[in-house]
Structures are given as C-alpha cells and as structure tokens.
Amino acid sequence: MKRKIIALLSVFTLVFSFASIASAAGATADNEMKAAIEKGLKEKHYDYKKGSIEITDLKTVPNNDPKLDTSEIVVGMGSYKTLRDNIFYFKHKDIVFYNAKDNKMLTEQEVAKAGPELQQYKKTHEDQVGTKMDFVVIILLLSLILLVPLYLLTIWEKGQYLTTKFKIKNNLYNHMKNFN
C-alpha cells in the first residue's frame, strides 16, 4: 500500500514538473508574439504607446494561401493605445495576425486569402473592432472657452480702473463738481 502511494505521488510530481515547463514555454511564446505585434504596431502608428498591447481570444488557424510562407496563422483581438500630442488618447481594438514561423506580425492584406476559418473569425469579431477617443481632454479645453471670458468679465475687469476711482474720490483730477 505504501509503495502505491509513493508511486502515485512520484507520478504527480513528474506530471506537474512537466506542466510547469510547458507553461513557461507558452509564456515565452506569448511574450515573443507581443513583441512582434508591438513592433508591427509601431510601424503602423507613429504615436503608439509602448507596452499598451493586450492580446485576447487567441486562435490558431490553418493557412490556405500558397503565397504566404507559413502553415498556421495565430489570430487574436489586440487592444492598444495611441497618444497624440501628449494629450489625446485613442483606444484601438483590432484583429491582429501573427506568423509564428517567422515571428512577425502580418497585415490584413497578407492574410486576405488565408482561408475560411480566418474569415469566420473576422466575421464573429467585427463588432468589437474600432477606435475610441478619450474625451476628457477635449471637454477641458472646451470649458476654457467659457471660463476665460467669465474670468475676464468678473474678476479681472474689477481691478482695471481702481486707480481712476481712487483719483476721483480724492479729487486728484482737480474737479470741483460732484456727480450725485
């Protein structure tokens, strides 16, 4: 009985040690994929925010296009940000394509004839693709259009002619008339 328990624990130890090695290899491949897609996005967007890529819903599909030099294409939903003029944030969500053989990002034109499974993936995720802008900065800039004239009319205007009021009150203009 003791030998069976020791054998069972040994098998579990052996299986879990291989599982940790396999998961570490998967994490490396994921980091390589992120690095390749990040490089492709930097070429596509000059204002890409470094390290903002998040890839979800990964799927490996076979390639049916003989012009493309790979047997499989990894496709997934990529979310990333761009930053223009250091104040305008855009959130992009696109379908990203990855060639694991050459370790590079593929464009949509390169995978256009890759096969029906890829087209099906694009159709199922077409409602998630798009670009959204963060409007907080725009609203703050537009509020300045209202706040600056209000400041000029209320606070700044009151202090402009204080010296004139002082001179009239103390008769420094040598006026003899009172205006009541």
N, C-alpha and C. Protein backbone atom coordinates (compact mmCIF):
# COMPACT_ATOMS: atom_id res chain seq x y z
N MET A 1 0.82 -1.19 0.00
CA MET A 1 0.00 0.00 0.00
C MET A 1 0.87 1.26 0.00
N LYS A 2 1.93 1.23 0.83
CA LYS A 2 2.83 2.37 0.89
C LYS A 2 3.52 2.60 -0.44
N ARG A 3 3.88 1.53 -1.10
CA ARG A 3 4.56 1.65 -2.39
C ARG A 3 3.64 2.28 -3.44
N LYS A 4 2.35 1.94 -3.40
CA LYS A 4 1.40 2.50 -4.36
C LYS A 4 1.23 4.01 -4.13
N ILE A 5 1.17 4.42 -2.87
CA ILE A 5 1.03 5.85 -2.57
C ILE A 5 2.28 6.61 -3.00
N ILE A 6 3.47 6.04 -2.72
CA ILE A 6 4.73 6.68 -3.13
C ILE A 6 4.82 6.74 -4.65
N ALA A 7 4.40 5.69 -5.33
CA ALA A 7 4.42 5.68 -6.79
C ALA A 7 3.45 6.73 -7.34
N LEU A 8 2.25 6.84 -6.74
CA LEU A 8 1.26 7.82 -7.18
C LEU A 8 1.79 9.25 -6.98
N LEU A 9 2.41 9.52 -5.82
CA LEU A 9 2.99 10.84 -5.58
C LEU A 9 4.13 11.14 -6.54
N SER A 10 4.92 10.12 -6.87
CA SER A 10 6.01 10.31 -7.83
C SER A 10 5.46 10.67 -9.21
N VAL A 11 4.38 10.00 -9.62
CA VAL A 11 3.77 10.29 -10.92
C VAL A 11 3.22 11.72 -10.93
N PHE A 12 2.54 12.13 -9.85
CA PHE A 12 2.03 13.50 -9.78
C PHE A 12 3.16 14.52 -9.84
N THR A 13 4.24 14.27 -9.13
CA THR A 13 5.39 15.16 -9.16
C THR A 13 5.98 15.27 -10.55
N LEU A 14 6.08 14.13 -11.22
CA LEU A 14 6.61 14.12 -12.58
C LEU A 14 5.71 14.88 -13.55
N VAL A 15 4.40 14.67 -13.45
CA VAL A 15 3.45 15.34 -14.35
C VAL A 15 3.45 16.85 -14.10
N PHE A 16 3.42 17.26 -12.84
CA PHE A 16 3.39 18.68 -12.55
C PHE A 16 4.69 19.39 -12.90
N SER A 17 5.80 18.70 -12.85
CA SER A 17 7.06 19.33 -13.25
C SER A 17 7.08 19.59 -14.75
N PHE A 18 6.53 18.66 -15.54
CA PHE A 18 6.45 18.90 -16.99
C PHE A 18 5.42 19.98 -17.32
N ALA A 19 4.36 20.06 -16.54
CA ALA A 19 3.34 21.09 -16.78
C ALA A 19 3.92 22.48 -16.55
N SER A 20 4.78 22.63 -15.54
CA SER A 20 5.37 23.95 -15.29
C SER A 20 6.34 24.33 -16.41
N ILE A 21 7.07 23.36 -16.95
CA ILE A 21 7.97 23.64 -18.07
C ILE A 21 7.17 24.05 -19.30
N ALA A 22 6.06 23.37 -19.55
CA ALA A 22 5.23 23.69 -20.71
C ALA A 22 4.60 25.07 -20.57
N SER A 23 4.16 25.41 -19.36
CA SER A 23 3.55 26.74 -19.18
C SER A 23 4.59 27.83 -19.33
N ALA A 24 5.82 27.59 -18.90
CA ALA A 24 6.88 28.59 -19.08
C ALA A 24 7.19 28.78 -20.55
N ALA A 25 7.18 27.70 -21.34
CA ALA A 25 7.42 27.83 -22.78
C ALA A 25 6.29 28.60 -23.44
N GLY A 26 5.05 28.41 -22.99
CA GLY A 26 3.92 29.14 -23.54
C GLY A 26 4.01 30.62 -23.24
N ALA A 27 4.49 30.97 -22.04
CA ALA A 27 4.64 32.38 -21.67
C ALA A 27 5.71 33.05 -22.53
N THR A 28 6.77 32.32 -22.84
CA THR A 28 7.82 32.88 -23.69
C THR A 28 7.29 33.15 -25.09
N ALA A 29 6.53 32.19 -25.61
CA ALA A 29 5.95 32.39 -26.94
C ALA A 29 4.99 33.57 -26.94
N ASP A 30 4.23 33.73 -25.86
CA ASP A 30 3.30 34.84 -25.77
C ASP A 30 4.06 36.16 -25.73
N ASN A 31 5.16 36.22 -25.00
CA ASN A 31 5.97 37.44 -24.96
C ASN A 31 6.60 37.73 -26.31
N GLU A 32 7.04 36.68 -27.01
CA GLU A 32 7.59 36.87 -28.35
C GLU A 32 6.52 37.40 -29.30
N MET A 33 5.32 36.87 -29.16
CA MET A 33 4.22 37.33 -30.01
C MET A 33 3.89 38.80 -29.73
N LYS A 34 3.83 39.15 -28.45
CA LYS A 34 3.55 40.55 -28.10
C LYS A 34 4.62 41.48 -28.63
N ALA A 35 5.88 41.06 -28.54
CA ALA A 35 6.98 41.90 -29.02
C ALA A 35 6.90 42.09 -30.53
N ALA A 36 6.57 41.02 -31.26
CA ALA A 36 6.47 41.13 -32.72
C ALA A 36 5.29 42.01 -33.12
N ILE A 37 4.16 41.85 -32.44
CA ILE A 37 2.98 42.67 -32.77
C ILE A 37 3.23 44.12 -32.37
N GLU A 38 3.91 44.34 -31.26
CA GLU A 38 4.25 45.71 -30.85
C GLU A 38 5.14 46.39 -31.90
N LYS A 39 6.08 45.63 -32.45
CA LYS A 39 6.95 46.16 -33.49
C LYS A 39 6.14 46.54 -34.74
N GLY A 40 5.19 45.68 -35.11
CA GLY A 40 4.34 45.98 -36.26
C GLY A 40 3.44 47.17 -36.03
N LEU A 41 2.94 47.32 -34.80
CA LEU A 41 2.08 48.47 -34.49
C LEU A 41 2.86 49.77 -34.47
N LYS A 42 4.13 49.73 -34.06
CA LYS A 42 4.96 50.93 -34.10
C LYS A 42 5.17 51.40 -35.53
N GLU A 43 5.26 50.45 -36.46
CA GLU A 43 5.39 50.83 -37.87
C GLU A 43 4.09 51.40 -38.41
N LYS A 44 2.97 50.88 -37.92
CA LYS A 44 1.65 51.33 -38.40
C LYS A 44 1.23 52.67 -37.79
N HIS A 45 1.51 52.85 -36.49
CA HIS A 45 1.12 54.07 -35.77
C HIS A 45 2.36 54.74 -35.21
N TYR A 46 2.63 55.97 -35.63
CA TYR A 46 3.79 56.70 -35.12
C TYR A 46 3.61 57.07 -33.65
N ASP A 47 2.37 57.13 -33.19
CA ASP A 47 2.07 57.58 -31.83
C ASP A 47 1.67 56.43 -30.90
N TYR A 48 2.09 55.20 -31.24
CA TYR A 48 1.76 54.03 -30.43
C TYR A 48 2.36 54.17 -29.03
N LYS A 49 1.55 53.88 -28.02
CA LYS A 49 2.02 53.95 -26.63
C LYS A 49 2.64 52.60 -26.27
N LYS A 50 3.92 52.64 -25.97
CA LYS A 50 4.70 51.43 -25.72
C LYS A 50 4.15 50.64 -24.53
N GLY A 51 4.01 49.34 -24.72
CA GLY A 51 3.58 48.44 -23.66
C GLY A 51 2.09 48.40 -23.41
N SER A 52 1.29 48.98 -24.27
CA SER A 52 -0.15 49.02 -24.04
C SER A 52 -0.91 47.89 -24.73
N ILE A 53 -0.22 47.00 -25.43
CA ILE A 53 -0.89 45.93 -26.17
C ILE A 53 -1.38 44.84 -25.23
N GLU A 54 -2.61 44.43 -25.42
CA GLU A 54 -3.20 43.29 -24.72
C GLU A 54 -3.85 42.42 -25.78
N ILE A 55 -3.47 41.15 -25.82
CA ILE A 55 -3.99 40.24 -26.84
C ILE A 55 -4.88 39.21 -26.15
N THR A 56 -6.11 39.10 -26.63
CA THR A 56 -7.06 38.14 -26.07
C THR A 56 -7.67 37.31 -27.19
N ASP A 57 -8.36 36.27 -26.80
CA ASP A 57 -9.12 35.41 -27.71
C ASP A 57 -8.25 34.87 -28.85
N LEU A 58 -7.12 34.27 -28.48
CA LEU A 58 -6.19 33.74 -29.48
C LEU A 58 -6.74 32.47 -30.12
N LYS A 59 -6.48 32.33 -31.40
CA LYS A 59 -6.89 31.14 -32.14
C LYS A 59 -5.86 30.88 -33.23
N THR A 60 -5.51 29.63 -33.42
CA THR A 60 -4.59 29.25 -34.48
C THR A 60 -5.41 28.68 -35.63
N VAL A 61 -5.24 29.25 -36.81
CA VAL A 61 -5.99 28.80 -37.99
C VAL A 61 -5.00 28.35 -39.06
N PRO A 62 -5.41 27.37 -39.88
CA PRO A 62 -4.51 26.93 -40.96
C PRO A 62 -4.46 27.94 -42.09
N ASN A 63 -3.35 27.94 -42.81
CA ASN A 63 -3.16 28.86 -43.93
C ASN A 63 -3.41 28.12 -45.24
N ASN A 64 -4.27 28.64 -46.10
CA ASN A 64 -4.55 28.06 -47.41
C ASN A 64 -3.96 28.87 -48.55
N ASP A 65 -3.26 29.94 -48.22
CA ASP A 65 -2.67 30.81 -49.24
C ASP A 65 -1.24 30.35 -49.54
N PRO A 66 -0.96 29.91 -50.80
CA PRO A 66 0.39 29.44 -51.11
C PRO A 66 1.43 30.57 -51.14
N LYS A 67 0.99 31.82 -51.31
CA LYS A 67 1.93 32.94 -51.33
C LYS A 67 2.49 33.25 -49.95
N LEU A 68 1.75 32.88 -48.91
CA LEU A 68 2.17 33.14 -47.54
C LEU A 68 3.00 31.95 -47.06
N ASP A 69 4.21 32.21 -46.61
CA ASP A 69 5.17 31.16 -46.26
C ASP A 69 5.00 30.70 -44.81
N THR A 70 3.85 30.13 -44.48
CA THR A 70 3.61 29.56 -43.16
C THR A 70 2.44 28.59 -43.25
N SER A 71 2.40 27.65 -42.35
CA SER A 71 1.31 26.67 -42.37
C SER A 71 0.18 27.09 -41.44
N GLU A 72 0.49 27.90 -40.41
CA GLU A 72 -0.52 28.34 -39.45
C GLU A 72 -0.40 29.84 -39.19
N ILE A 73 -1.54 30.42 -38.90
CA ILE A 73 -1.60 31.84 -38.55
C ILE A 73 -2.27 31.94 -37.19
N VAL A 74 -1.66 32.67 -36.29
CA VAL A 74 -2.26 32.92 -34.98
C VAL A 74 -3.00 34.24 -35.09
N VAL A 75 -4.28 34.23 -34.75
CA VAL A 75 -5.11 35.42 -34.85
C VAL A 75 -5.71 35.69 -33.47
N GLY A 76 -5.85 36.97 -33.14
CA GLY A 76 -6.41 37.35 -31.84
C GLY A 76 -6.89 38.79 -31.85
N MET A 77 -7.56 39.16 -30.78
CA MET A 77 -8.03 40.53 -30.62
C MET A 77 -6.98 41.32 -29.85
N GLY A 78 -6.49 42.38 -30.48
CA GLY A 78 -5.47 43.22 -29.87
C GLY A 78 -6.04 44.56 -29.44
N SER A 79 -5.84 44.92 -28.18
CA SER A 79 -6.25 46.22 -27.66
C SER A 79 -4.99 47.01 -27.34
N TYR A 80 -4.91 48.23 -27.84
CA TYR A 80 -3.73 49.06 -27.60
C TYR A 80 -4.14 50.53 -27.63
N LYS A 81 -3.21 51.39 -27.15
CA LYS A 81 -3.49 52.82 -27.07
C LYS A 81 -2.50 53.59 -27.92
N THR A 82 -2.95 54.73 -28.42
CA THR A 82 -2.06 55.68 -29.07
C THR A 82 -2.22 57.02 -28.35
N LEU A 83 -1.16 57.81 -28.38
CA LEU A 83 -1.14 59.08 -27.68
C LEU A 83 -0.62 60.15 -28.63
N ARG A 84 -1.50 61.06 -29.02
CA ARG A 84 -1.12 62.13 -29.94
C ARG A 84 -0.93 63.44 -29.19
N ASP A 85 0.14 64.12 -29.49
CA ASP A 85 0.45 65.44 -28.93
C ASP A 85 0.48 65.43 -27.40
N ASN A 86 0.74 64.29 -26.81
CA ASN A 86 0.82 64.10 -25.36
C ASN A 86 -0.45 64.45 -24.61
N ILE A 87 -1.58 64.62 -25.29
CA ILE A 87 -2.83 64.88 -24.58
C ILE A 87 -4.03 64.10 -25.12
N PHE A 88 -3.99 63.66 -26.37
CA PHE A 88 -5.13 62.98 -26.97
C PHE A 88 -4.91 61.47 -26.96
N TYR A 89 -5.70 60.75 -26.16
CA TYR A 89 -5.61 59.31 -26.06
C TYR A 89 -6.65 58.65 -26.96
N PHE A 90 -6.22 57.64 -27.69
CA PHE A 90 -7.11 56.83 -28.51
C PHE A 90 -6.95 55.38 -28.09
N LYS A 91 -8.07 54.67 -27.94
CA LYS A 91 -8.06 53.25 -27.62
C LYS A 91 -8.48 52.49 -28.87
N HIS A 92 -7.60 51.64 -29.35
CA HIS A 92 -7.86 50.87 -30.56
C HIS A 92 -8.12 49.42 -30.20
N LYS A 93 -9.01 48.79 -30.93
CA LYS A 93 -9.24 47.35 -30.79
C LYS A 93 -9.29 46.79 -32.21
N ASP A 94 -8.30 45.96 -32.55
CA ASP A 94 -8.17 45.41 -33.89
C ASP A 94 -7.93 43.91 -33.82
N ILE A 95 -8.16 43.27 -34.94
CA ILE A 95 -7.79 41.86 -35.09
C ILE A 95 -6.33 41.84 -35.54
N VAL A 96 -5.49 41.12 -34.80
CA VAL A 96 -4.07 41.06 -35.13
C VAL A 96 -3.73 39.65 -35.63
N PHE A 97 -2.81 39.59 -36.59
CA PHE A 97 -2.39 38.34 -37.20
C PHE A 97 -0.90 38.16 -36.95
N TYR A 98 -0.52 36.91 -36.63
CA TYR A 98 0.86 36.65 -36.25
C TYR A 98 1.36 35.39 -36.96
N ASN A 99 2.55 35.49 -37.54
CA ASN A 99 3.21 34.36 -38.17
C ASN A 99 4.23 33.83 -37.17
N ALA A 100 3.93 32.69 -36.56
CA ALA A 100 4.80 32.14 -35.53
C ALA A 100 6.11 31.61 -36.12
N LYS A 101 6.06 31.20 -37.38
CA LYS A 101 7.26 30.66 -38.01
C LYS A 101 8.33 31.73 -38.19
N ASP A 102 7.94 32.89 -38.69
CA ASP A 102 8.89 33.99 -38.91
C ASP A 102 8.93 34.99 -37.76
N ASN A 103 8.06 34.80 -36.76
CA ASN A 103 7.99 35.69 -35.60
C ASN A 103 7.77 37.14 -36.03
N LYS A 104 6.68 37.36 -36.81
CA LYS A 104 6.36 38.72 -37.22
C LYS A 104 4.86 38.90 -37.33
N MET A 105 4.45 40.14 -37.24
CA MET A 105 3.04 40.49 -37.39
C MET A 105 2.69 40.53 -38.86
N LEU A 106 1.52 40.01 -39.19
CA LEU A 106 1.05 40.03 -40.56
C LEU A 106 -0.02 41.09 -40.72
N THR A 107 -0.09 41.68 -41.91
CA THR A 107 -1.12 42.68 -42.17
C THR A 107 -2.37 41.98 -42.69
N GLU A 108 -3.45 42.71 -42.71
CA GLU A 108 -4.71 42.14 -43.18
C GLU A 108 -4.65 41.81 -44.67
N GLN A 109 -3.87 42.55 -45.43
CA GLN A 109 -3.73 42.28 -46.86
C GLN A 109 -2.98 40.97 -47.08
N GLU A 110 -2.02 40.66 -46.23
CA GLU A 110 -1.25 39.43 -46.39
C GLU A 110 -2.07 38.18 -46.10
N VAL A 111 -3.04 38.29 -45.21
CA VAL A 111 -3.85 37.13 -44.84
C VAL A 111 -5.23 37.15 -45.48
N ALA A 112 -5.42 37.96 -46.50
CA ALA A 112 -6.74 38.10 -47.12
C ALA A 112 -7.24 36.79 -47.72
N LYS A 113 -6.36 35.95 -48.24
CA LYS A 113 -6.76 34.69 -48.87
C LYS A 113 -6.31 33.48 -48.04
N ALA A 114 -6.22 33.66 -46.73
CA ALA A 114 -5.67 32.60 -45.88
C ALA A 114 -6.64 31.44 -45.67
N GLY A 115 -7.91 31.65 -45.77
CA GLY A 115 -8.84 30.54 -45.63
C GLY A 115 -10.16 30.93 -44.98
N PRO A 116 -11.11 30.01 -45.01
CA PRO A 116 -12.45 30.31 -44.48
C PRO A 116 -12.49 30.44 -42.95
N GLU A 117 -11.62 29.73 -42.25
CA GLU A 117 -11.63 29.82 -40.79
C GLU A 117 -11.23 31.22 -40.33
N LEU A 118 -10.29 31.81 -41.01
CA LEU A 118 -9.87 33.16 -40.68
C LEU A 118 -10.98 34.16 -41.00
N GLN A 119 -11.65 33.97 -42.12
CA GLN A 119 -12.77 34.84 -42.48
C GLN A 119 -13.90 34.72 -41.45
N GLN A 120 -14.13 33.50 -40.98
CA GLN A 120 -15.16 33.29 -39.96
C GLN A 120 -14.79 33.99 -38.66
N TYR A 121 -13.53 33.93 -38.28
CA TYR A 121 -13.06 34.63 -37.07
C TYR A 121 -13.27 36.13 -37.22
N LYS A 122 -12.94 36.67 -38.38
CA LYS A 122 -13.11 38.11 -38.62
C LYS A 122 -14.58 38.51 -38.56
N LYS A 123 -15.46 37.66 -39.08
CA LYS A 123 -16.90 37.97 -39.04
C LYS A 123 -17.45 37.93 -37.63
N THR A 124 -17.00 36.97 -36.83
CA THR A 124 -17.52 36.87 -35.47
C THR A 124 -17.02 38.01 -34.57
N HIS A 125 -15.90 38.62 -34.91
CA HIS A 125 -15.33 39.69 -34.07
C HIS A 125 -15.42 41.08 -34.71
N GLU A 126 -16.14 41.22 -35.82
CA GLU A 126 -16.17 42.52 -36.49
C GLU A 126 -16.89 43.59 -35.67
N ASP A 127 -17.78 43.21 -34.76
CA ASP A 127 -18.47 44.21 -33.95
C ASP A 127 -17.60 44.74 -32.81
N GLN A 128 -16.49 44.09 -32.53
CA GLN A 128 -15.60 44.53 -31.45
C GLN A 128 -14.47 45.43 -31.95
N VAL A 129 -14.29 45.52 -33.24
CA VAL A 129 -13.18 46.29 -33.83
C VAL A 129 -13.57 47.77 -33.88
N GLY A 130 -12.62 48.64 -33.52
CA GLY A 130 -12.88 50.07 -33.63
C GLY A 130 -11.89 50.90 -32.85
N THR A 131 -12.09 52.22 -32.91
CA THR A 131 -11.24 53.19 -32.22
C THR A 131 -12.12 54.12 -31.41
N LYS A 132 -11.72 54.36 -30.18
CA LYS A 132 -12.45 55.28 -29.31
C LYS A 132 -11.49 56.32 -28.77
N MET A 133 -11.97 57.55 -28.67
CA MET A 133 -11.14 58.65 -28.18
C MET A 133 -11.55 58.99 -26.76
N ASP A 134 -10.58 59.33 -25.93
CA ASP A 134 -10.84 59.77 -24.57
C ASP A 134 -11.19 61.27 -24.64
N PHE A 135 -12.42 61.63 -24.27
CA PHE A 135 -12.91 62.99 -24.46
C PHE A 135 -12.69 63.91 -23.27
N VAL A 136 -12.04 63.46 -22.21
CA VAL A 136 -11.84 64.31 -21.03
C VAL A 136 -11.01 65.54 -21.39
N VAL A 137 -9.96 65.36 -22.16
CA VAL A 137 -9.09 66.49 -22.52
C VAL A 137 -9.85 67.47 -23.41
N ILE A 138 -10.64 66.95 -24.34
CA ILE A 138 -11.42 67.82 -25.23
C ILE A 138 -12.41 68.65 -24.42
N ILE A 139 -13.08 68.03 -23.47
CA ILE A 139 -14.06 68.76 -22.65
C ILE A 139 -13.36 69.83 -21.81
N LEU A 140 -12.20 69.53 -21.28
CA LEU A 140 -11.45 70.54 -20.50
C LEU A 140 -11.02 71.71 -21.38
N LEU A 141 -10.57 71.43 -22.59
CA LEU A 141 -10.18 72.52 -23.49
C LEU A 141 -11.39 73.36 -23.91
N LEU A 142 -12.51 72.72 -24.14
CA LEU A 142 -13.71 73.48 -24.50
C LEU A 142 -14.24 74.29 -23.32
N SER A 143 -14.05 73.79 -22.11
CA SER A 143 -14.51 74.56 -20.95
C SER A 143 -13.71 75.85 -20.80
N LEU A 144 -12.47 75.88 -21.28
CA LEU A 144 -11.68 77.11 -21.23
C LEU A 144 -12.31 78.22 -22.06
N ILE A 145 -13.02 77.84 -23.13
CA ILE A 145 -13.69 78.84 -23.96
C ILE A 145 -14.73 79.61 -23.15
N LEU A 146 -15.35 78.94 -22.19
CA LEU A 146 -16.33 79.61 -21.34
C LEU A 146 -15.70 80.25 -20.10
N LEU A 147 -14.70 79.60 -19.54
CA LEU A 147 -14.14 80.07 -18.28
C LEU A 147 -13.24 81.30 -18.44
N VAL A 148 -12.51 81.42 -19.51
CA VAL A 148 -11.62 82.58 -19.69
C VAL A 148 -12.42 83.87 -19.84
N PRO A 149 -13.45 83.95 -20.68
CA PRO A 149 -14.24 85.20 -20.73
C PRO A 149 -14.95 85.51 -19.42
N LEU A 150 -15.43 84.47 -18.72
CA LEU A 150 -16.05 84.72 -17.42
C LEU A 150 -15.06 85.32 -16.43
N TYR A 151 -13.86 84.82 -16.43
CA TYR A 151 -12.81 85.37 -15.56
C TYR A 151 -12.52 86.83 -15.93
N LEU A 152 -12.41 87.09 -17.23
CA LEU A 152 -12.11 88.47 -17.66
C LEU A 152 -13.23 89.42 -17.29
N LEU A 153 -14.48 88.99 -17.39
CA LEU A 153 -15.61 89.87 -17.10
C LEU A 153 -15.85 90.06 -15.61
N THR A 154 -15.54 89.10 -14.81
CA THR A 154 -15.87 89.21 -13.38
C THR A 154 -14.69 89.65 -12.53
N ILE A 155 -13.63 88.96 -12.54
CA ILE A 155 -12.52 89.22 -11.61
C ILE A 155 -11.53 90.23 -12.17
N TRP A 156 -11.06 90.04 -13.35
CA TRP A 156 -10.03 90.89 -13.91
C TRP A 156 -10.53 92.30 -14.19
N GLU A 157 -11.76 92.43 -14.67
CA GLU A 157 -12.33 93.73 -15.03
C GLU A 157 -12.48 94.63 -13.81
N LYS A 158 -12.79 94.07 -12.67
CA LYS A 158 -12.99 94.87 -11.45
C LYS A 158 -11.71 95.59 -11.02
N GLY A 159 -10.59 94.99 -11.28
CA GLY A 159 -9.34 95.59 -10.83
C GLY A 159 -8.71 96.54 -11.82
N GLN A 160 -9.29 96.76 -12.98
CA GLN A 160 -8.66 97.57 -14.01
C GLN A 160 -8.68 99.07 -13.72
N TYR A 161 -9.76 99.58 -13.17
CA TYR A 161 -9.88 101.02 -13.01
C TYR A 161 -9.89 101.44 -11.55
N LEU A 162 -9.23 100.71 -10.72
CA LEU A 162 -9.17 101.08 -9.31
C LEU A 162 -8.42 102.38 -9.11
N THR A 163 -7.40 102.64 -9.89
CA THR A 163 -6.65 103.89 -9.71
C THR A 163 -7.51 105.08 -10.11
N THR A 164 -8.34 104.94 -11.11
CA THR A 164 -9.22 106.04 -11.52
C THR A 164 -10.24 106.34 -10.44
N LYS A 165 -10.81 105.32 -9.84
CA LYS A 165 -11.79 105.53 -8.76
C LYS A 165 -11.12 106.22 -7.57
N PHE A 166 -9.91 105.83 -7.28
CA PHE A 166 -9.18 106.45 -6.17
C PHE A 166 -8.90 107.94 -6.45
N LYS A 167 -8.51 108.25 -7.69
CA LYS A 167 -8.21 109.64 -8.02
C LYS A 167 -9.46 110.51 -8.00
N ILE A 168 -10.59 109.98 -8.41
CA ILE A 168 -11.84 110.76 -8.38
C ILE A 168 -12.28 110.99 -6.95
N LYS A 169 -12.20 109.95 -6.12
CA LYS A 169 -12.61 110.10 -4.72
C LYS A 169 -11.76 111.14 -3.99
N ASN A 170 -10.50 111.19 -4.28
CA ASN A 170 -9.58 112.10 -3.58
C ASN A 170 -9.34 113.40 -4.36
N ASN A 171 -10.11 113.65 -5.38
CA ASN A 171 -10.06 114.87 -6.17
C ASN A 171 -8.67 115.17 -6.70
N LEU A 172 -8.02 114.17 -7.23
CA LEU A 172 -6.69 114.35 -7.79
C LEU A 172 -6.75 114.89 -9.22
N TYR A 173 -7.92 114.88 -9.84
CA TYR A 173 -8.07 115.45 -11.17
C TYR A 173 -8.48 116.94 -11.09
N ASN A 174 -8.57 117.49 -9.90
CA ASN A 174 -8.97 118.88 -9.65
C ASN A 174 -10.35 119.21 -10.21
N HIS A 175 -11.25 118.34 -10.03
CA HIS A 175 -12.64 118.59 -10.41
C HIS A 175 -13.37 119.19 -9.22
N MET A 176 -14.20 120.15 -9.50
CA MET A 176 -14.95 120.79 -8.42
C MET A 176 -16.38 120.31 -8.37
N LYS A 177 -16.82 119.61 -9.36
CA LYS A 177 -18.22 119.18 -9.39
C LYS A 177 -18.37 117.83 -8.70
N ASN A 178 -19.50 117.69 -8.05
CA ASN A 178 -19.87 116.38 -7.52
C ASN A 178 -20.91 115.77 -8.41
N PHE A 179 -20.77 114.56 -8.70
CA PHE A 179 -21.74 113.85 -9.55
C PHE A 179 -22.55 112.93 -8.65
N ASN A 180 -23.74 113.36 -8.30
CA ASN A 180 -24.59 112.54 -7.43
C ASN A 180 -25.68 111.91 -8.14
